[in-house]
Amino acid sequence: MKANEAPKKLYFGEFDKTCLEAYSTKESNDEIEYTRTDVFIEKTAKWINEHTSLSEKMVIENFVNYMKGE
């Protein structure tokens, strides 16, 4: 990883919850925002589901499975 470059993936467990509280608010516009993958997939699938026709529902299921690596 180069200097001033964020990693592509971060992993946090139960032990890290206290530490994460310190980083849960935005302090400047230069910060990088990380989003949980499962939350991103769920929100994206919900939006696609609300904005597509019934014949396109299979696309949503395929998208979710692809994003989860299934």
N, C-alpha and C. Protein backbone atom coordinates (compact mmCIF):
# COMPACT_ATOMS: atom_id res chain seq x y z
N MET A 1 0.85 -1.18 0.00
CA MET A 1 0.00 0.00 0.00
C MET A 1 0.89 1.23 0.00
N LYS A 2 0.59 2.17 -0.88
CA LYS A 2 1.35 3.40 -0.97
C LYS A 2 0.98 4.35 0.17
N ALA A 3 1.86 5.32 0.44
CA ALA A 3 1.57 6.33 1.46
C ALA A 3 0.32 7.11 1.07
N ASN A 4 -0.48 7.46 2.05
CA ASN A 4 -1.73 8.23 1.86
C ASN A 4 -2.75 7.49 1.01
N GLU A 5 -2.68 6.18 0.99
CA GLU A 5 -3.64 5.38 0.23
C GLU A 5 -4.31 4.40 1.19
N ALA A 6 -5.61 4.33 1.12
CA ALA A 6 -6.35 3.45 2.02
C ALA A 6 -6.41 2.04 1.45
N PRO A 7 -6.48 1.03 2.30
CA PRO A 7 -6.62 -0.34 1.81
C PRO A 7 -7.99 -0.55 1.18
N LYS A 8 -8.09 -1.53 0.29
CA LYS A 8 -9.37 -1.80 -0.36
C LYS A 8 -10.36 -2.47 0.59
N LYS A 9 -9.85 -3.22 1.55
CA LYS A 9 -10.73 -3.90 2.51
C LYS A 9 -10.19 -3.69 3.92
N LEU A 10 -11.12 -3.54 4.85
CA LEU A 10 -10.80 -3.47 6.27
C LEU A 10 -11.68 -4.50 6.97
N TYR A 11 -11.16 -5.12 8.01
CA TYR A 11 -11.93 -6.11 8.75
C TYR A 11 -11.97 -5.72 10.22
N PHE A 12 -13.17 -5.71 10.79
CA PHE A 12 -13.36 -5.37 12.19
C PHE A 12 -14.17 -6.45 12.87
N GLY A 13 -13.83 -6.75 14.10
CA GLY A 13 -14.55 -7.76 14.86
C GLY A 13 -15.16 -7.16 16.11
N GLU A 14 -15.67 -8.03 16.94
CA GLU A 14 -16.32 -7.62 18.19
C GLU A 14 -15.38 -6.79 19.05
N PHE A 15 -14.13 -7.14 19.10
CA PHE A 15 -13.11 -6.46 19.90
C PHE A 15 -12.92 -5.00 19.47
N ASP A 16 -13.20 -4.69 18.21
CA ASP A 16 -12.93 -3.37 17.65
C ASP A 16 -14.06 -2.36 17.82
N LYS A 17 -15.20 -2.77 18.35
CA LYS A 17 -16.37 -1.88 18.44
C LYS A 17 -16.08 -0.60 19.20
N THR A 18 -15.38 -0.67 20.30
CA THR A 18 -15.07 0.53 21.08
C THR A 18 -14.21 1.48 20.27
N CYS A 19 -13.23 0.94 19.60
CA CYS A 19 -12.34 1.74 18.76
C CYS A 19 -13.11 2.43 17.63
N LEU A 20 -14.07 1.75 17.05
CA LEU A 20 -14.81 2.29 15.91
C LEU A 20 -15.67 3.49 16.28
N GLU A 21 -16.10 3.60 17.51
CA GLU A 21 -16.90 4.74 17.94
C GLU A 21 -16.16 6.05 17.68
N ALA A 22 -14.86 6.05 17.85
CA ALA A 22 -14.04 7.25 17.64
C ALA A 22 -14.05 7.68 16.18
N TYR A 23 -14.32 6.75 15.28
CA TYR A 23 -14.28 7.05 13.85
C TYR A 23 -15.66 7.08 13.20
N SER A 24 -16.69 7.25 13.98
CA SER A 24 -18.05 7.17 13.43
C SER A 24 -18.62 8.52 13.00
N THR A 25 -17.86 9.59 13.15
CA THR A 25 -18.33 10.90 12.70
C THR A 25 -17.31 11.51 11.73
N LYS A 26 -17.81 12.23 10.77
CA LYS A 26 -16.97 12.87 9.76
C LYS A 26 -16.42 14.17 10.35
N GLU A 27 -15.11 14.35 10.21
CA GLU A 27 -14.47 15.54 10.75
C GLU A 27 -13.97 16.50 9.67
N SER A 28 -13.74 15.99 8.46
CA SER A 28 -13.30 16.86 7.36
C SER A 28 -13.72 16.26 6.03
N ASN A 29 -13.68 17.06 4.98
CA ASN A 29 -14.05 16.59 3.65
C ASN A 29 -12.97 15.74 2.99
N ASP A 30 -11.81 15.65 3.61
CA ASP A 30 -10.71 14.86 3.06
C ASP A 30 -10.75 13.40 3.50
N GLU A 31 -11.68 13.04 4.36
CA GLU A 31 -11.75 11.69 4.90
C GLU A 31 -12.36 10.72 3.90
N ILE A 32 -12.00 9.46 4.03
CA ILE A 32 -12.56 8.39 3.21
C ILE A 32 -13.68 7.74 3.99
N GLU A 33 -14.82 7.54 3.33
CA GLU A 33 -15.95 6.88 3.97
C GLU A 33 -15.98 5.42 3.54
N TYR A 34 -16.07 4.52 4.52
CA TYR A 34 -16.20 3.10 4.25
C TYR A 34 -17.62 2.68 4.54
N THR A 35 -18.16 1.83 3.69
CA THR A 35 -19.52 1.32 3.86
C THR A 35 -19.46 -0.19 3.97
N ARG A 36 -20.23 -0.75 4.89
CA ARG A 36 -20.27 -2.21 5.02
C ARG A 36 -20.81 -2.82 3.74
N THR A 37 -20.14 -3.84 3.24
CA THR A 37 -20.52 -4.48 1.99
C THR A 37 -21.95 -5.02 2.05
N ASP A 38 -22.32 -5.69 3.14
CA ASP A 38 -23.66 -6.27 3.23
C ASP A 38 -24.74 -5.19 3.20
N VAL A 39 -24.47 -4.07 3.84
CA VAL A 39 -25.44 -2.96 3.84
C VAL A 39 -25.54 -2.35 2.45
N PHE A 40 -24.41 -2.19 1.78
CA PHE A 40 -24.40 -1.66 0.41
C PHE A 40 -25.22 -2.56 -0.52
N ILE A 41 -25.00 -3.86 -0.44
CA ILE A 41 -25.72 -4.81 -1.29
C ILE A 41 -27.22 -4.75 -1.02
N GLU A 42 -27.60 -4.74 0.26
CA GLU A 42 -29.02 -4.69 0.61
C GLU A 42 -29.69 -3.40 0.11
N LYS A 43 -29.03 -2.26 0.33
CA LYS A 43 -29.62 -0.98 -0.09
C LYS A 43 -29.70 -0.90 -1.61
N THR A 44 -28.68 -1.38 -2.31
CA THR A 44 -28.69 -1.35 -3.77
C THR A 44 -29.78 -2.26 -4.32
N ALA A 45 -29.89 -3.45 -3.77
CA ALA A 45 -30.92 -4.38 -4.22
C ALA A 45 -32.31 -3.81 -3.97
N LYS A 46 -32.51 -3.17 -2.84
CA LYS A 46 -33.81 -2.56 -2.53
C LYS A 46 -34.15 -1.47 -3.54
N TRP A 47 -33.16 -0.62 -3.84
CA TRP A 47 -33.40 0.47 -4.80
C TRP A 47 -33.72 -0.10 -6.18
N ILE A 48 -32.93 -1.07 -6.64
CA ILE A 48 -33.16 -1.67 -7.95
C ILE A 48 -34.54 -2.31 -7.98
N ASN A 49 -34.91 -3.00 -6.91
CA ASN A 49 -36.21 -3.67 -6.82
C ASN A 49 -37.35 -2.67 -6.93
N GLU A 50 -37.19 -1.50 -6.35
CA GLU A 50 -38.24 -0.47 -6.37
C GLU A 50 -38.31 0.27 -7.71
N HIS A 51 -37.27 0.16 -8.52
CA HIS A 51 -37.20 0.92 -9.77
C HIS A 51 -37.14 0.03 -11.01
N THR A 52 -37.54 -1.22 -10.90
CA THR A 52 -37.54 -2.11 -12.06
C THR A 52 -38.87 -2.83 -12.17
N SER A 53 -39.09 -3.42 -13.32
CA SER A 53 -40.33 -4.17 -13.55
C SER A 53 -40.17 -5.60 -13.01
N LEU A 54 -41.28 -6.31 -12.96
CA LEU A 54 -41.29 -7.67 -12.44
C LEU A 54 -40.36 -8.59 -13.25
N SER A 55 -40.25 -8.36 -14.54
CA SER A 55 -39.42 -9.23 -15.39
C SER A 55 -37.93 -9.04 -15.11
N GLU A 56 -37.56 -7.99 -14.39
CA GLU A 56 -36.16 -7.72 -14.11
C GLU A 56 -35.73 -8.19 -12.71
N LYS A 57 -36.62 -8.82 -11.96
CA LYS A 57 -36.32 -9.26 -10.60
C LYS A 57 -35.17 -10.27 -10.55
N MET A 58 -35.02 -11.09 -11.60
CA MET A 58 -33.94 -12.07 -11.64
C MET A 58 -32.58 -11.35 -11.66
N VAL A 59 -32.52 -10.19 -12.26
CA VAL A 59 -31.29 -9.40 -12.30
C VAL A 59 -30.86 -9.05 -10.87
N ILE A 60 -31.80 -8.70 -10.02
CA ILE A 60 -31.50 -8.34 -8.64
C ILE A 60 -30.91 -9.54 -7.90
N GLU A 61 -31.55 -10.68 -8.03
CA GLU A 61 -31.06 -11.88 -7.36
C GLU A 61 -29.65 -12.24 -7.85
N ASN A 62 -29.43 -12.15 -9.15
CA ASN A 62 -28.10 -12.43 -9.70
C ASN A 62 -27.07 -11.42 -9.21
N PHE A 63 -27.48 -10.16 -9.13
CA PHE A 63 -26.58 -9.11 -8.64
C PHE A 63 -26.16 -9.37 -7.20
N VAL A 64 -27.12 -9.67 -6.35
CA VAL A 64 -26.83 -9.93 -4.93
C VAL A 64 -25.90 -11.13 -4.80
N ASN A 65 -26.18 -12.21 -5.51
CA ASN A 65 -25.32 -13.38 -5.44
C ASN A 65 -23.92 -13.09 -5.96
N TYR A 66 -23.82 -12.31 -7.03
CA TYR A 66 -22.51 -11.95 -7.57
C TYR A 66 -21.72 -11.12 -6.58
N MET A 67 -22.36 -10.13 -5.97
CA MET A 67 -21.67 -9.25 -5.02
C MET A 67 -21.23 -10.02 -3.77
N LYS A 68 -21.98 -11.02 -3.38
CA LYS A 68 -21.62 -11.84 -2.21
C LYS A 68 -20.59 -12.89 -2.58
N GLY A 69 -20.30 -13.04 -3.86
CA GLY A 69 -19.33 -14.02 -4.29
C GLY A 69 -19.89 -15.43 -4.37
N GLU A 70 -21.19 -15.55 -4.53
CA GLU A 70 -21.83 -16.87 -4.58
C GLU A 70 -22.02 -17.32 -6.01
